[in-house]
Amino acid sequence: MSRESKILIKEVQSGETLYSFSLDESEQAYEKLQSLINMSLDVDIFIPTVTDTLCDSLGMNREEMDTYNESLIEEIDDHNH
């Protein structure tokens, strides 16, 4: 079973997710982010990477995703040396 990756707007200090958008709603997410910044809120946007969306579509849990990400980093490091 796959999950849908989401664009998240979070409050920086608490880490609380304030808004969630689907990937095809990126324009709305950036508009909402700008609106919150204009209200002097300390917020940040988190956009899933290609790796995140792949792992989500494969139904990987957090531990499996972490293991996969570590293997990618090792592979890249191996090619850089």
C-alpha atoms as a PDB file:
ATOM      1  CA  MET A   1       0.000   0.000   0.000  1.00  0.00           C
ATOM      2  CA  SER A   2       1.488   3.348  -0.961  1.00  0.00           C
ATOM      3  CA  ARG A   3       1.189   6.672   0.804  1.00  0.00           C
ATOM      4  CA  GLU A   4       1.081  10.069  -0.819  1.00  0.00           C
ATOM      5  CA  SER A   5       4.066  12.351  -0.277  1.00  0.00           C
ATOM      6  CA  LYS A   6       3.069  15.788   0.942  1.00  0.00           C
ATOM      7  CA  ILE A   7       4.528  19.290   0.923  1.00  0.00           C
ATOM      8  CA  LEU A   8       4.498  20.462   4.530  1.00  0.00           C
ATOM      9  CA  ILE A   9       4.602  23.924   6.072  1.00  0.00           C
ATOM     10  CA  LYS A  10       5.873  23.712   9.643  1.00  0.00           C
ATOM     11  CA  GLU A  11       6.332  26.164  12.481  1.00  0.00           C
ATOM     12  CA  VAL A  12      10.101  26.271  13.024  1.00  0.00           C
ATOM     13  CA  GLN A  13      10.352  26.300  16.817  1.00  0.00           C
ATOM     14  CA  SER A  14       7.757  23.629  17.621  1.00  0.00           C
ATOM     15  CA  GLY A  15       8.084  21.594  14.419  1.00  0.00           C
ATOM     16  CA  GLU A  16       4.295  21.474  14.252  1.00  0.00           C
ATOM     17  CA  THR A  17       2.836  20.938  10.795  1.00  0.00           C
ATOM     18  CA  LEU A  18       0.545  23.854  10.034  1.00  0.00           C
ATOM     19  CA  TYR A  19      -0.435  22.993   6.457  1.00  0.00           C
ATOM     20  CA  SER A  20      -0.134  20.008   4.152  1.00  0.00           C
ATOM     21  CA  PHE A  21      -0.394  20.068   0.352  1.00  0.00           C
ATOM     22  CA  SER A  22      -0.234  17.425  -2.350  1.00  0.00           C
ATOM     23  CA  LEU A  23       2.744  17.609  -4.712  1.00  0.00           C
ATOM     24  CA  ASP A  24       0.616  19.085  -7.487  1.00  0.00           C
ATOM     25  CA  GLU A  25      -0.391  21.965  -5.180  1.00  0.00           C
ATOM     26  CA  SER A  26       3.119  23.430  -4.953  1.00  0.00           C
ATOM     27  CA  GLU A  27       2.020  26.893  -6.100  1.00  0.00           C
ATOM     28  CA  GLN A  28      -0.628  27.049  -3.379  1.00  0.00           C
ATOM     29  CA  ALA A  29       1.928  25.838  -0.827  1.00  0.00           C
ATOM     30  CA  TYR A  30       4.370  28.609  -1.739  1.00  0.00           C
ATOM     31  CA  GLU A  31       1.577  31.201  -1.674  1.00  0.00           C
ATOM     32  CA  LYS A  32       0.532  30.032   1.811  1.00  0.00           C
ATOM     33  CA  LEU A  33       4.173  30.057   2.936  1.00  0.00           C
ATOM     34  CA  GLN A  34       4.599  33.638   1.746  1.00  0.00           C
ATOM     35  CA  SER A  35       1.374  34.651   3.447  1.00  0.00           C
ATOM     36  CA  LEU A  36       2.566  33.195   6.762  1.00  0.00           C
ATOM     37  CA  ILE A  37       5.988  34.835   6.417  1.00  0.00           C
ATOM     38  CA  ASN A  38       4.244  38.162   5.735  1.00  0.00           C
ATOM     39  CA  MET A  39       2.438  37.692   9.066  1.00  0.00           C
ATOM     40  CA  SER A  40       5.909  37.393  10.691  1.00  0.00           C
ATOM     41  CA  LEU A  41       5.508  33.718  11.509  1.00  0.00           C
ATOM     42  CA  ASP A  42       8.672  31.614  11.677  1.00  0.00           C
ATOM     43  CA  VAL A  43       7.785  28.847   9.221  1.00  0.00           C
ATOM     44  CA  ASP A  44       9.587  26.578   6.806  1.00  0.00           C
ATOM     45  CA  ILE A  45       8.525  24.430   3.877  1.00  0.00           C
ATOM     46  CA  PHE A  46       9.462  20.797   3.420  1.00  0.00           C
ATOM     47  CA  ILE A  47       9.243  19.357  -0.071  1.00  0.00           C
ATOM     48  CA  PRO A  48       9.706  15.616  -0.501  1.00  0.00           C
ATOM     49  CA  THR A  49      12.703  14.524  -2.571  1.00  0.00           C
ATOM     50  CA  VAL A  50      12.522  12.029  -5.403  1.00  0.00           C
ATOM     51  CA  THR A  51      13.854   9.443  -2.964  1.00  0.00           C
ATOM     52  CA  ASP A  52      11.108  10.282  -0.451  1.00  0.00           C
ATOM     53  CA  THR A  53       8.370   9.882  -3.046  1.00  0.00           C
ATOM     54  CA  LEU A  54       9.896   6.617  -4.301  1.00  0.00           C
ATOM     55  CA  CYS A  55      10.023   5.205  -0.774  1.00  0.00           C
ATOM     56  CA  ASP A  56       6.450   6.354  -0.120  1.00  0.00           C
ATOM     57  CA  SER A  57       5.196   4.775  -3.331  1.00  0.00           C
ATOM     58  CA  LEU A  58       6.880   1.499  -2.369  1.00  0.00           C
ATOM     59  CA  GLY A  59       5.221   1.622   1.047  1.00  0.00           C
ATOM     60  CA  MET A  60       8.484   1.677   2.992  1.00  0.00           C
ATOM     61  CA  ASN A  61       8.373   2.428   6.705  1.00  0.00           C
ATOM     62  CA  ARG A  62      10.664   5.005   8.357  1.00  0.00           C
ATOM     63  CA  GLU A  63      13.368   2.443   9.241  1.00  0.00           C
ATOM     64  CA  GLU A  64      13.445   1.079   5.685  1.00  0.00           C
ATOM     65  CA  MET A  65      13.604   4.621   4.302  1.00  0.00           C
ATOM     66  CA  ASP A  66      16.528   5.483   6.589  1.00  0.00           C
ATOM     67  CA  THR A  67      18.385   2.324   5.543  1.00  0.00           C
ATOM     68  CA  TYR A  68      17.774   3.099   1.867  1.00  0.00           C
ATOM     69  CA  ASN A  69      18.947   6.710   2.273  1.00  0.00           C
ATOM     70  CA  GLU A  70      22.117   5.528   4.033  1.00  0.00           C
ATOM     71  CA  SER A  71      22.834   3.130   1.163  1.00  0.00           C
ATOM     72  CA  LEU A  72      22.423   5.971  -1.347  1.00  0.00           C
ATOM     73  CA  ILE A  73      24.849   8.164   0.585  1.00  0.00           C
ATOM     74  CA  GLU A  74      27.384   5.323   0.732  1.00  0.00           C
ATOM     75  CA  GLU A  75      27.015   4.736  -3.007  1.00  0.00           C
ATOM     76  CA  ILE A  76      27.555   8.409  -3.820  1.00  0.00           C
ATOM     77  CA  ASP A  77      30.550   8.612  -1.479  1.00  0.00           C
ATOM     78  CA  ASP A  78      32.016   5.508  -3.118  1.00  0.00           C
ATOM     79  CA  HIS A  79      31.798   7.167  -6.553  1.00  0.00           C
ATOM     80  CA  ASN A  80      33.287  10.426  -5.269  1.00  0.00           C
ATOM     81  CA  HIS A  81      36.454   8.671  -4.051  1.00  0.00           C
END
